[in-house]
């Protein structure tokens, strides 16, 4: 059944709105997945504010052009599920990767990070990045390490000076007695 021109324009407008809110867009080949499996994946992505939809490739191309984003012609071949990920993308990408590994049917083709085109390997790199809290802890640890080392050095110098003064006081006490 053909889609009317008005409906196509409405779908493109919805895609434009989703693209504008997304920090990462992931394109996947969903061949072989059942409707219940697609629903399960949607349910896994929903808590993180992400949305999975199936869009016609031609409408997705038009939406990318209207949003002045790079063309993804190589990725928009065959059946394509589009995941729009808003905000932090670590957890939704890990959920998608785990689902893809579990079902062995969902194939991640690539995507967009801002206006940068991502290959499937690039998406895998994003999946492998530690969570934001872990990265913050690592940065804090590397910033804190030199400071704590300096405090240790200064403490040992002061402790050494205290021992010398204490020994001198003991020596002067013995000499006066």
Foldseek 3Di string as FASTA:
>chain_A
DDDDPVVLVVVLVVLLVLVVQFQKKWKKAQPPDDPVLVVVLQVQLVVQVKGKDWDQLVSNQVSCVVNVADGDVVRRPHTIIMMGGGDDDQRSLLSVVVSCVVVVRIGTAWIDRNRDTGGSVRSVVSNPDDDPVVVVVVVVCVVVVVVVVVVVVVVVVVVVVVVVVVVVVVVVVVVVD
